[in-house]
N, C-alpha and C. Protein backbone atom coordinates (compact mmCIF):
# COMPACT_ATOMS: atom_id res chain seq x y z
N UNK A 1 2.28 -15.05 -69.84
CA UNK A 1 2.37 -15.47 -68.46
C UNK A 1 1.38 -14.65 -67.63
N UNK A 2 0.62 -15.33 -66.79
CA UNK A 2 -0.36 -14.64 -65.97
C UNK A 2 0.33 -13.92 -64.82
N UNK A 3 -0.31 -12.86 -64.34
CA UNK A 3 0.24 -12.07 -63.24
C UNK A 3 0.42 -12.92 -61.99
N UNK A 4 -0.54 -13.83 -61.72
CA UNK A 4 -0.46 -14.69 -60.54
C UNK A 4 0.78 -15.57 -60.58
N UNK A 5 1.07 -16.15 -61.75
CA UNK A 5 2.26 -16.99 -61.89
C UNK A 5 3.52 -16.18 -61.68
N UNK A 6 3.55 -14.99 -62.24
CA UNK A 6 4.71 -14.14 -62.10
C UNK A 6 4.94 -13.78 -60.64
N UNK A 7 3.90 -13.41 -59.93
CA UNK A 7 4.09 -13.02 -58.54
C UNK A 7 4.46 -14.21 -57.67
N UNK A 8 3.95 -15.40 -57.97
CA UNK A 8 4.32 -16.57 -57.18
C UNK A 8 5.80 -16.88 -57.40
N UNK A 9 6.22 -16.86 -58.67
CA UNK A 9 7.63 -17.14 -58.97
C UNK A 9 8.53 -16.08 -58.32
N UNK A 10 8.13 -14.81 -58.41
CA UNK A 10 8.93 -13.74 -57.80
C UNK A 10 9.02 -13.93 -56.29
N UNK A 11 7.90 -14.29 -55.66
CA UNK A 11 7.90 -14.53 -54.22
C UNK A 11 8.83 -15.68 -53.88
N UNK A 12 8.74 -16.78 -54.60
CA UNK A 12 9.58 -17.94 -54.32
C UNK A 12 11.06 -17.61 -54.52
N UNK A 13 11.38 -16.83 -55.56
CA UNK A 13 12.77 -16.45 -55.78
C UNK A 13 13.29 -15.55 -54.66
N UNK A 14 12.47 -14.61 -54.23
CA UNK A 14 12.87 -13.72 -53.14
C UNK A 14 13.07 -14.50 -51.85
N UNK A 15 12.16 -15.43 -51.57
CA UNK A 15 12.28 -16.24 -50.36
C UNK A 15 13.52 -17.12 -50.41
N UNK A 16 13.78 -17.69 -51.56
CA UNK A 16 14.97 -18.53 -51.69
C UNK A 16 16.24 -17.73 -51.45
N UNK A 17 16.28 -16.53 -51.97
CA UNK A 17 17.45 -15.67 -51.75
C UNK A 17 17.61 -15.34 -50.28
N UNK A 18 16.50 -15.03 -49.61
CA UNK A 18 16.56 -14.70 -48.18
C UNK A 18 16.98 -15.90 -47.36
N UNK A 19 16.45 -17.05 -47.70
CA UNK A 19 16.79 -18.27 -46.97
C UNK A 19 18.26 -18.62 -47.20
N UNK A 20 18.71 -18.47 -48.43
CA UNK A 20 20.12 -18.75 -48.73
C UNK A 20 21.05 -17.86 -47.94
N UNK A 21 20.67 -16.60 -47.77
CA UNK A 21 21.50 -15.66 -47.03
C UNK A 21 21.53 -15.98 -45.54
N UNK A 22 20.47 -16.64 -45.06
CA UNK A 22 20.38 -16.94 -43.64
C UNK A 22 20.54 -18.43 -43.38
N UNK A 23 21.27 -19.13 -44.23
CA UNK A 23 21.42 -20.58 -44.11
C UNK A 23 21.96 -20.96 -42.74
N UNK A 24 21.42 -22.03 -42.21
CA UNK A 24 21.84 -22.51 -40.90
C UNK A 24 23.12 -23.34 -41.03
N UNK A 25 24.11 -23.08 -40.20
CA UNK A 25 25.31 -23.91 -40.24
C UNK A 25 25.04 -25.25 -39.54
N UNK A 26 25.06 -26.31 -40.28
CA UNK A 26 24.81 -27.64 -39.70
C UNK A 26 26.08 -28.47 -39.75
N UNK A 27 26.22 -29.34 -38.76
CA UNK A 27 27.33 -30.26 -38.76
C UNK A 27 26.98 -31.51 -39.55
N UNK A 28 27.99 -32.32 -39.85
CA UNK A 28 27.75 -33.52 -40.64
C UNK A 28 26.79 -34.48 -39.94
N UNK A 29 26.84 -34.54 -38.61
CA UNK A 29 25.92 -35.42 -37.88
C UNK A 29 24.49 -34.97 -38.09
N UNK A 30 24.24 -33.66 -38.03
CA UNK A 30 22.90 -33.13 -38.25
C UNK A 30 22.42 -33.42 -39.66
N UNK A 31 23.31 -33.26 -40.63
CA UNK A 31 22.95 -33.51 -42.01
C UNK A 31 22.62 -34.98 -42.22
N UNK A 32 23.41 -35.86 -41.64
CA UNK A 32 23.15 -37.29 -41.78
C UNK A 32 21.79 -37.66 -41.18
N UNK A 33 21.48 -37.11 -40.01
CA UNK A 33 20.17 -37.36 -39.40
C UNK A 33 19.05 -36.83 -40.28
N UNK A 34 19.24 -35.65 -40.84
CA UNK A 34 18.20 -35.03 -41.65
C UNK A 34 17.97 -35.77 -42.96
N UNK A 35 19.01 -36.43 -43.48
CA UNK A 35 18.87 -37.14 -44.74
C UNK A 35 17.98 -38.37 -44.61
N UNK A 36 17.82 -38.88 -43.41
CA UNK A 36 16.95 -40.01 -43.16
C UNK A 36 15.50 -39.55 -43.33
N UNK A 37 14.76 -40.15 -44.26
CA UNK A 37 13.39 -39.73 -44.54
C UNK A 37 12.39 -40.55 -43.73
N UNK A 38 12.51 -40.43 -42.43
CA UNK A 38 11.52 -41.03 -41.54
C UNK A 38 11.19 -39.98 -40.48
N UNK A 39 10.05 -40.15 -39.87
CA UNK A 39 9.60 -39.22 -38.84
C UNK A 39 10.10 -39.71 -37.49
N UNK A 40 10.77 -38.83 -36.75
CA UNK A 40 11.30 -39.24 -35.45
C UNK A 40 10.82 -38.36 -34.31
N UNK A 41 10.54 -37.09 -34.57
CA UNK A 41 10.11 -36.18 -33.51
C UNK A 41 8.59 -36.12 -33.42
N UNK A 42 7.92 -35.93 -34.53
CA UNK A 42 6.46 -35.80 -34.56
C UNK A 42 5.80 -37.18 -34.50
N UNK A 43 4.63 -37.22 -33.88
CA UNK A 43 3.84 -38.45 -33.94
C UNK A 43 3.22 -38.54 -35.33
N UNK A 44 2.64 -39.68 -35.68
CA UNK A 44 2.01 -39.83 -36.99
C UNK A 44 0.89 -38.81 -37.19
N UNK A 45 0.06 -38.59 -36.17
CA UNK A 45 -1.04 -37.62 -36.27
C UNK A 45 -0.51 -36.20 -36.39
N UNK A 46 0.54 -35.88 -35.63
CA UNK A 46 1.14 -34.55 -35.72
C UNK A 46 1.74 -34.34 -37.12
N UNK A 47 2.46 -35.35 -37.61
CA UNK A 47 3.09 -35.24 -38.93
C UNK A 47 2.03 -35.07 -40.02
N UNK A 48 0.92 -35.78 -39.92
CA UNK A 48 -0.15 -35.66 -40.92
C UNK A 48 -0.71 -34.24 -40.94
N UNK A 49 -0.93 -33.66 -39.76
CA UNK A 49 -1.47 -32.30 -39.70
C UNK A 49 -0.45 -31.27 -40.17
N UNK A 50 0.81 -31.42 -39.77
CA UNK A 50 1.86 -30.49 -40.21
C UNK A 50 2.02 -30.58 -41.73
N UNK A 51 2.01 -31.78 -42.27
CA UNK A 51 2.13 -31.94 -43.72
C UNK A 51 0.94 -31.29 -44.43
N UNK A 52 -0.27 -31.43 -43.88
CA UNK A 52 -1.45 -30.82 -44.49
C UNK A 52 -1.38 -29.30 -44.44
N UNK A 53 -0.87 -28.74 -43.34
CA UNK A 53 -0.70 -27.28 -43.25
C UNK A 53 0.32 -26.83 -44.29
N UNK A 54 1.45 -27.51 -44.36
CA UNK A 54 2.50 -27.15 -45.32
C UNK A 54 1.97 -27.25 -46.75
N UNK A 55 1.13 -28.25 -47.01
CA UNK A 55 0.57 -28.42 -48.36
C UNK A 55 -0.41 -27.31 -48.71
N UNK A 56 -0.99 -26.66 -47.72
CA UNK A 56 -1.83 -25.50 -48.00
C UNK A 56 -0.99 -24.23 -48.17
N UNK A 57 0.14 -24.18 -47.48
CA UNK A 57 1.04 -23.03 -47.62
C UNK A 57 1.66 -23.02 -49.02
N UNK A 58 2.16 -24.16 -49.45
CA UNK A 58 2.70 -24.30 -50.81
C UNK A 58 2.00 -25.49 -51.45
N UNK A 59 0.84 -25.21 -52.06
CA UNK A 59 0.03 -26.30 -52.60
C UNK A 59 0.57 -26.87 -53.90
N UNK A 60 0.11 -28.03 -54.22
CA UNK A 60 0.40 -28.65 -55.50
C UNK A 60 -0.58 -28.09 -56.51
N UNK A 61 -0.05 -27.61 -57.63
CA UNK A 61 -0.91 -27.17 -58.73
C UNK A 61 -0.24 -27.68 -60.00
N UNK A 62 0.07 -26.81 -60.93
CA UNK A 62 0.80 -27.26 -62.12
C UNK A 62 2.22 -27.70 -61.76
N UNK A 63 2.67 -27.28 -60.59
CA UNK A 63 4.00 -27.65 -60.12
C UNK A 63 3.88 -28.36 -58.78
N UNK A 64 4.88 -29.15 -58.42
CA UNK A 64 4.83 -29.83 -57.13
C UNK A 64 4.84 -28.83 -55.98
N UNK A 65 4.28 -29.24 -54.86
CA UNK A 65 4.23 -28.38 -53.69
C UNK A 65 5.01 -28.96 -52.52
N UNK A 66 4.66 -28.50 -51.33
CA UNK A 66 5.36 -28.89 -50.11
C UNK A 66 5.28 -30.40 -49.84
N UNK A 67 4.14 -30.99 -50.16
CA UNK A 67 3.98 -32.43 -49.92
C UNK A 67 4.97 -33.23 -50.76
N UNK A 68 5.06 -32.92 -52.03
CA UNK A 68 5.98 -33.66 -52.91
C UNK A 68 7.43 -33.39 -52.55
N UNK A 69 7.71 -32.22 -52.02
CA UNK A 69 9.08 -31.87 -51.63
C UNK A 69 9.49 -32.51 -50.31
N UNK A 70 8.55 -33.14 -49.60
CA UNK A 70 8.89 -33.80 -48.33
C UNK A 70 9.19 -32.81 -47.22
N UNK A 71 8.53 -31.66 -47.24
CA UNK A 71 8.78 -30.62 -46.25
C UNK A 71 8.58 -31.11 -44.82
N UNK A 72 7.62 -31.99 -44.60
CA UNK A 72 7.36 -32.49 -43.24
C UNK A 72 8.59 -33.19 -42.67
N UNK A 73 9.39 -33.85 -43.53
CA UNK A 73 10.59 -34.53 -43.05
C UNK A 73 11.64 -33.51 -42.60
N UNK A 74 11.74 -32.41 -43.35
CA UNK A 74 12.65 -31.34 -42.94
C UNK A 74 12.22 -30.77 -41.59
N UNK A 75 10.93 -30.48 -41.45
CA UNK A 75 10.42 -29.90 -40.20
C UNK A 75 10.68 -30.85 -39.04
N UNK A 76 10.38 -32.12 -39.23
CA UNK A 76 10.58 -33.12 -38.18
C UNK A 76 12.06 -33.19 -37.77
N UNK A 77 12.94 -33.26 -38.76
CA UNK A 77 14.37 -33.38 -38.46
C UNK A 77 14.92 -32.10 -37.84
N UNK A 78 14.46 -30.95 -38.33
CA UNK A 78 14.94 -29.69 -37.77
C UNK A 78 14.55 -29.57 -36.30
N UNK A 79 13.32 -29.95 -35.96
CA UNK A 79 12.87 -29.88 -34.57
C UNK A 79 13.58 -30.90 -33.69
N UNK A 80 14.03 -31.98 -34.27
CA UNK A 80 14.74 -33.01 -33.51
C UNK A 80 16.23 -32.71 -33.37
N UNK A 81 16.75 -31.80 -34.20
CA UNK A 81 18.19 -31.55 -34.19
C UNK A 81 18.49 -30.06 -33.96
N UNK A 82 18.70 -29.33 -35.03
CA UNK A 82 19.19 -27.95 -34.92
C UNK A 82 18.20 -26.98 -34.29
N UNK A 83 16.92 -27.28 -34.34
CA UNK A 83 15.91 -26.41 -33.73
C UNK A 83 15.27 -27.06 -32.50
N UNK A 84 15.99 -27.97 -31.89
CA UNK A 84 15.44 -28.69 -30.73
C UNK A 84 15.09 -27.75 -29.58
N UNK A 85 15.76 -26.61 -29.50
CA UNK A 85 15.44 -25.65 -28.45
C UNK A 85 14.05 -25.03 -28.65
N UNK A 86 13.48 -25.15 -29.84
CA UNK A 86 12.13 -24.66 -30.12
C UNK A 86 11.08 -25.76 -30.11
N UNK A 87 11.52 -27.01 -29.99
CA UNK A 87 10.64 -28.16 -30.17
C UNK A 87 9.48 -28.21 -29.16
N UNK A 88 9.75 -27.97 -27.89
CA UNK A 88 8.68 -28.05 -26.88
C UNK A 88 7.60 -27.01 -27.15
N UNK A 89 8.00 -25.79 -27.46
CA UNK A 89 7.02 -24.74 -27.78
C UNK A 89 6.24 -25.09 -29.03
N UNK A 90 6.92 -25.58 -30.05
CA UNK A 90 6.25 -25.94 -31.30
C UNK A 90 5.22 -27.04 -31.05
N UNK A 91 5.62 -28.06 -30.30
CA UNK A 91 4.70 -29.17 -30.03
C UNK A 91 3.48 -28.68 -29.24
N UNK A 92 3.67 -27.79 -28.27
CA UNK A 92 2.55 -27.25 -27.49
C UNK A 92 1.63 -26.42 -28.40
N UNK A 93 2.21 -25.62 -29.28
CA UNK A 93 1.42 -24.82 -30.21
C UNK A 93 0.67 -25.71 -31.20
N UNK A 94 1.30 -26.78 -31.64
CA UNK A 94 0.65 -27.74 -32.54
C UNK A 94 -0.53 -28.40 -31.83
N UNK A 95 -0.35 -28.77 -30.56
CA UNK A 95 -1.44 -29.39 -29.79
C UNK A 95 -2.62 -28.43 -29.66
N UNK A 96 -2.34 -27.16 -29.44
CA UNK A 96 -3.40 -26.16 -29.36
C UNK A 96 -4.11 -26.01 -30.71
N UNK A 97 -3.34 -25.99 -31.78
CA UNK A 97 -3.89 -25.93 -33.14
C UNK A 97 -4.82 -27.13 -33.39
N UNK A 98 -4.35 -28.32 -33.04
CA UNK A 98 -5.15 -29.53 -33.25
C UNK A 98 -6.42 -29.51 -32.41
N UNK A 99 -6.32 -29.10 -31.16
CA UNK A 99 -7.49 -29.06 -30.28
C UNK A 99 -8.53 -28.08 -30.81
N UNK A 100 -8.08 -26.91 -31.25
CA UNK A 100 -9.00 -25.91 -31.78
C UNK A 100 -9.67 -26.43 -33.05
N UNK A 101 -8.93 -27.07 -33.90
CA UNK A 101 -9.48 -27.63 -35.13
C UNK A 101 -10.53 -28.69 -34.82
N UNK A 102 -10.22 -29.59 -33.91
CA UNK A 102 -11.17 -30.66 -33.55
C UNK A 102 -12.43 -30.07 -32.91
N UNK A 103 -12.24 -29.04 -32.10
CA UNK A 103 -13.38 -28.38 -31.45
C UNK A 103 -14.32 -27.77 -32.49
N UNK A 104 -13.77 -27.18 -33.51
CA UNK A 104 -14.57 -26.49 -34.53
C UNK A 104 -15.10 -27.42 -35.61
N UNK A 105 -14.51 -28.61 -35.75
CA UNK A 105 -14.89 -29.50 -36.86
C UNK A 105 -15.32 -30.89 -36.39
N UNK A 106 -16.01 -30.94 -35.26
CA UNK A 106 -16.58 -32.20 -34.82
C UNK A 106 -15.57 -33.30 -34.60
N UNK A 107 -14.48 -32.99 -33.94
CA UNK A 107 -13.43 -33.95 -33.59
C UNK A 107 -12.63 -34.48 -34.79
N UNK A 108 -12.77 -33.82 -35.93
CA UNK A 108 -12.01 -34.24 -37.12
C UNK A 108 -10.61 -33.61 -37.10
N UNK A 109 -9.57 -34.40 -37.34
CA UNK A 109 -8.22 -33.82 -37.43
C UNK A 109 -8.08 -32.94 -38.67
N UNK A 110 -7.20 -31.98 -38.60
CA UNK A 110 -7.00 -31.04 -39.70
C UNK A 110 -6.71 -31.77 -41.01
N UNK A 111 -5.87 -32.77 -40.98
CA UNK A 111 -5.47 -33.48 -42.21
C UNK A 111 -6.66 -34.16 -42.90
N UNK A 112 -7.72 -34.46 -42.15
CA UNK A 112 -8.86 -35.15 -42.75
C UNK A 112 -9.87 -34.19 -43.39
N UNK A 113 -9.73 -32.89 -43.15
CA UNK A 113 -10.66 -31.92 -43.71
C UNK A 113 -10.39 -31.74 -45.20
N UNK A 114 -11.45 -31.38 -45.95
CA UNK A 114 -11.24 -31.07 -47.36
C UNK A 114 -10.50 -29.74 -47.47
N UNK A 115 -9.99 -29.46 -48.63
CA UNK A 115 -9.15 -28.28 -48.84
C UNK A 115 -9.85 -26.98 -48.47
N UNK A 116 -11.11 -26.84 -48.83
CA UNK A 116 -11.84 -25.60 -48.51
C UNK A 116 -11.93 -25.38 -47.01
N UNK A 117 -12.23 -26.43 -46.26
CA UNK A 117 -12.33 -26.28 -44.80
C UNK A 117 -10.96 -26.07 -44.17
N UNK A 118 -9.92 -26.68 -44.73
CA UNK A 118 -8.57 -26.43 -44.23
C UNK A 118 -8.20 -24.96 -44.41
N UNK A 119 -8.44 -24.43 -45.59
CA UNK A 119 -8.10 -23.02 -45.86
C UNK A 119 -8.91 -22.10 -44.96
N UNK A 120 -10.19 -22.37 -44.81
CA UNK A 120 -11.04 -21.53 -43.95
C UNK A 120 -10.52 -21.55 -42.51
N UNK A 121 -10.13 -22.73 -42.02
CA UNK A 121 -9.60 -22.81 -40.66
C UNK A 121 -8.26 -22.08 -40.55
N UNK A 122 -7.39 -22.26 -41.54
CA UNK A 122 -6.08 -21.60 -41.49
C UNK A 122 -6.22 -20.08 -41.48
N UNK A 123 -7.23 -19.56 -42.12
CA UNK A 123 -7.44 -18.11 -42.10
C UNK A 123 -7.76 -17.61 -40.69
N UNK A 124 -8.27 -18.47 -39.83
CA UNK A 124 -8.59 -18.06 -38.45
C UNK A 124 -7.38 -18.16 -37.53
N UNK A 125 -6.33 -18.86 -37.97
CA UNK A 125 -5.16 -19.07 -37.11
C UNK A 125 -3.86 -18.59 -37.77
N UNK A 126 -3.98 -17.84 -38.86
CA UNK A 126 -2.77 -17.48 -39.61
C UNK A 126 -1.86 -16.47 -38.92
N UNK A 127 -2.27 -15.95 -37.78
CA UNK A 127 -1.42 -15.02 -37.02
C UNK A 127 -0.88 -15.67 -35.73
N UNK A 128 -1.11 -16.95 -35.58
CA UNK A 128 -0.65 -17.64 -34.37
C UNK A 128 0.82 -18.01 -34.50
N UNK A 129 1.52 -18.15 -33.38
CA UNK A 129 2.93 -18.56 -33.44
C UNK A 129 3.12 -19.90 -34.16
N UNK A 130 2.18 -20.84 -33.98
CA UNK A 130 2.30 -22.14 -34.66
C UNK A 130 2.28 -21.97 -36.17
N UNK A 131 1.32 -21.24 -36.68
CA UNK A 131 1.22 -21.08 -38.13
C UNK A 131 2.42 -20.33 -38.68
N UNK A 132 2.83 -19.27 -38.00
CA UNK A 132 3.98 -18.50 -38.47
C UNK A 132 5.25 -19.35 -38.49
N UNK A 133 5.45 -20.16 -37.45
CA UNK A 133 6.62 -21.05 -37.41
C UNK A 133 6.54 -22.09 -38.53
N UNK A 134 5.34 -22.64 -38.73
CA UNK A 134 5.17 -23.67 -39.77
C UNK A 134 5.39 -23.07 -41.16
N UNK A 135 4.94 -21.85 -41.36
CA UNK A 135 5.16 -21.19 -42.66
C UNK A 135 6.66 -21.03 -42.93
N UNK A 136 7.39 -20.56 -41.95
CA UNK A 136 8.83 -20.38 -42.13
C UNK A 136 9.53 -21.72 -42.34
N UNK A 137 9.17 -22.71 -41.53
CA UNK A 137 9.79 -24.04 -41.68
C UNK A 137 9.44 -24.67 -43.02
N UNK A 138 8.23 -24.42 -43.50
CA UNK A 138 7.83 -24.94 -44.81
C UNK A 138 8.71 -24.35 -45.91
N UNK A 139 8.92 -23.06 -45.86
CA UNK A 139 9.77 -22.41 -46.86
C UNK A 139 11.22 -22.90 -46.77
N UNK A 140 11.71 -23.02 -45.54
CA UNK A 140 13.07 -23.55 -45.36
C UNK A 140 13.17 -24.97 -45.91
N UNK A 141 12.15 -25.78 -45.63
CA UNK A 141 12.15 -27.16 -46.10
C UNK A 141 12.05 -27.27 -47.61
N UNK A 142 11.37 -26.33 -48.23
CA UNK A 142 11.22 -26.37 -49.68
C UNK A 142 12.51 -25.98 -50.39
N UNK A 143 13.26 -25.05 -49.83
CA UNK A 143 14.44 -24.53 -50.52
C UNK A 143 15.78 -24.99 -49.93
N UNK A 144 15.76 -25.78 -48.89
CA UNK A 144 17.01 -26.21 -48.26
C UNK A 144 17.76 -27.20 -49.15
N UNK A 145 18.96 -27.49 -48.75
CA UNK A 145 19.72 -28.55 -49.42
C UNK A 145 18.98 -29.86 -49.14
N UNK A 146 18.73 -30.68 -50.16
CA UNK A 146 17.97 -31.92 -49.95
C UNK A 146 18.50 -32.81 -48.83
N UNK A 147 19.79 -32.75 -48.55
CA UNK A 147 20.36 -33.57 -47.48
C UNK A 147 19.78 -33.21 -46.12
N UNK A 148 19.14 -32.04 -46.00
CA UNK A 148 18.57 -31.63 -44.72
C UNK A 148 17.17 -32.22 -44.50
N UNK A 149 16.65 -32.96 -45.44
CA UNK A 149 15.38 -33.66 -45.24
C UNK A 149 14.26 -33.20 -46.15
N UNK A 150 14.26 -31.99 -46.61
CA UNK A 150 13.21 -31.50 -47.50
C UNK A 150 13.73 -31.35 -48.92
N UNK A 151 13.03 -30.57 -49.73
CA UNK A 151 13.44 -30.29 -51.10
C UNK A 151 13.78 -31.57 -51.85
N UNK A 152 12.91 -32.58 -51.70
CA UNK A 152 13.12 -33.89 -52.33
C UNK A 152 13.32 -33.70 -53.83
N UNK A 153 14.35 -34.31 -54.36
CA UNK A 153 14.70 -34.25 -55.78
C UNK A 153 14.89 -32.81 -56.29
N UNK A 154 15.21 -31.89 -55.39
CA UNK A 154 15.45 -30.51 -55.79
C UNK A 154 14.20 -29.79 -56.28
N UNK A 155 13.02 -30.23 -55.82
CA UNK A 155 11.75 -29.66 -56.28
C UNK A 155 11.70 -28.15 -56.07
N UNK A 156 12.08 -27.70 -54.88
CA UNK A 156 12.05 -26.27 -54.59
C UNK A 156 12.98 -25.49 -55.50
N UNK A 157 14.16 -26.03 -55.74
CA UNK A 157 15.12 -25.36 -56.61
C UNK A 157 14.58 -25.27 -58.04
N UNK A 158 13.91 -26.33 -58.49
CA UNK A 158 13.36 -26.33 -59.85
C UNK A 158 12.27 -25.26 -59.98
N UNK A 159 11.51 -25.03 -58.90
CA UNK A 159 10.46 -24.01 -58.94
C UNK A 159 11.00 -22.61 -59.22
N UNK A 160 12.21 -22.35 -58.76
CA UNK A 160 12.79 -21.02 -58.94
C UNK A 160 13.90 -20.99 -60.00
N UNK A 161 14.13 -22.12 -60.64
CA UNK A 161 15.13 -22.16 -61.69
C UNK A 161 16.57 -22.24 -61.20
N UNK A 162 16.77 -22.69 -59.97
CA UNK A 162 18.12 -22.79 -59.42
C UNK A 162 18.75 -24.12 -59.82
N UNK A 163 19.99 -24.08 -60.27
CA UNK A 163 20.74 -25.28 -60.56
C UNK A 163 21.91 -25.35 -59.60
N UNK A 164 22.02 -26.45 -58.88
CA UNK A 164 23.11 -26.62 -57.92
C UNK A 164 24.37 -26.97 -58.68
N UNK A 165 25.15 -25.95 -59.02
CA UNK A 165 26.37 -26.17 -59.76
C UNK A 165 27.61 -25.75 -59.00
N UNK A 166 27.50 -25.72 -57.67
CA UNK A 166 28.64 -25.28 -56.88
C UNK A 166 29.76 -26.31 -56.95
N UNK A 167 30.97 -25.81 -57.13
CA UNK A 167 32.13 -26.69 -57.21
C UNK A 167 33.15 -26.25 -56.17
N UNK A 168 33.72 -27.20 -55.50
CA UNK A 168 34.77 -26.91 -54.55
C UNK A 168 36.11 -27.23 -55.21
N UNK A 169 36.56 -26.35 -56.05
CA UNK A 169 37.88 -26.50 -56.65
C UNK A 169 38.48 -25.11 -56.85
N UNK A 170 39.77 -25.01 -56.71
CA UNK A 170 40.41 -23.71 -56.84
C UNK A 170 40.40 -23.25 -58.29
N UNK A 171 40.56 -21.98 -58.55
CA UNK A 171 40.77 -20.93 -57.56
C UNK A 171 39.44 -20.45 -56.99
N UNK A 172 39.44 -20.15 -55.71
CA UNK A 172 38.23 -19.71 -55.04
C UNK A 172 38.06 -18.20 -55.08
N UNK A 173 39.12 -17.46 -55.02
CA UNK A 173 39.01 -16.02 -54.99
C UNK A 173 40.36 -15.36 -54.83
N UNK A 174 40.35 -14.14 -54.35
CA UNK A 174 41.58 -13.35 -54.24
C UNK A 174 42.65 -14.06 -53.42
N UNK A 175 42.23 -14.85 -52.41
CA UNK A 175 43.20 -15.51 -51.55
C UNK A 175 43.92 -16.65 -52.27
N UNK A 176 43.42 -17.03 -53.45
CA UNK A 176 44.08 -18.04 -54.26
C UNK A 176 44.89 -17.42 -55.39
N UNK A 177 45.16 -16.13 -55.29
CA UNK A 177 45.81 -15.44 -56.40
C UNK A 177 47.16 -16.05 -56.78
N UNK A 178 47.82 -16.75 -55.84
CA UNK A 178 49.09 -17.37 -56.15
C UNK A 178 48.94 -18.79 -56.68
N UNK A 179 47.72 -19.26 -56.81
CA UNK A 179 47.46 -20.60 -57.34
C UNK A 179 47.83 -20.65 -58.81
N UNK A 180 48.55 -21.68 -59.23
CA UNK A 180 48.95 -21.75 -60.65
C UNK A 180 47.70 -21.75 -61.55
N UNK A 181 47.71 -20.88 -62.52
CA UNK A 181 46.61 -20.82 -63.45
C UNK A 181 45.55 -19.80 -63.09
N UNK A 182 45.68 -19.16 -61.92
CA UNK A 182 44.69 -18.17 -61.50
C UNK A 182 44.83 -16.91 -62.35
N UNK A 183 43.72 -16.43 -62.86
CA UNK A 183 43.73 -15.18 -63.63
C UNK A 183 42.58 -14.34 -63.14
N UNK A 184 42.91 -13.20 -62.54
CA UNK A 184 41.86 -12.31 -62.05
C UNK A 184 41.12 -11.69 -63.23
N UNK A 185 39.80 -11.61 -63.08
CA UNK A 185 39.01 -10.97 -64.13
C UNK A 185 39.22 -9.47 -64.07
N UNK A 186 39.39 -8.90 -65.22
CA UNK A 186 39.57 -7.44 -65.27
C UNK A 186 38.25 -6.77 -65.00
N UNK A 187 38.28 -5.74 -64.15
CA UNK A 187 37.09 -4.97 -63.85
C UNK A 187 37.06 -3.80 -64.81
N UNK A 188 35.97 -3.69 -65.58
CA UNK A 188 35.93 -2.59 -66.55
C UNK A 188 35.95 -1.24 -65.85
N UNK A 189 36.69 -0.32 -66.41
CA UNK A 189 36.76 1.03 -65.82
C UNK A 189 35.55 1.83 -66.28
N UNK A 190 35.14 2.75 -65.41
CA UNK A 190 33.94 3.56 -65.71
C UNK A 190 34.30 4.88 -66.30
C-alpha cells in the first residue's frame, strides 16, 4: 500500500469519526426534505460550481468521489433546511467566488474549467470563508446518513470501511439490565 493511499484513508477515517461525534440532530421533516435528490436552494449554475468545487476537494480516482456521492444535494438541502441561517452568507460568498473566477478566466464559470485550472484557482481562494464552508459541507455530505441527501449508496462509508449495522433492539445498555435475557459482559480485572 502506498503512503498516499494510507494517509488519504487515515484522513477520511478521522474525519468520519469527527463528523459522527458532531452529528446534527435533524427532525423527520428535515430528513424527508433532504432525501429528495433535486436542487431547491442553489440555482443550476451555482449547483454546477459547488459540485465542481466538491469534486476537487474529494476527487474521483480509483474510488468514487464527491460527485458520485451526490454531495451537492446534501449541501443544497442543508442550506435550505438545517443550515438556512447560513444560507444568505454562503450564497453571497459563492457569488464572490464565481465573480472572481469569471474575472480571472475570461467569463468562464468554474465548472467549465479543466481540472488543472480549477485546482490552480482553488489554491488562490482556499482560505476564503466560501471554500472553508464548502470543504466542511463536502465532508459532511460524503459521510452523512444517505437520507440527508449525500453519501449516495453509502459511497463515503465504503471509502472508510464503515458498515451501517446499527440495530434498535434491546438490550441497549445498563438501563435495560432488567430486560429478560440481558447479560452484562464481564469486565476483565487488571
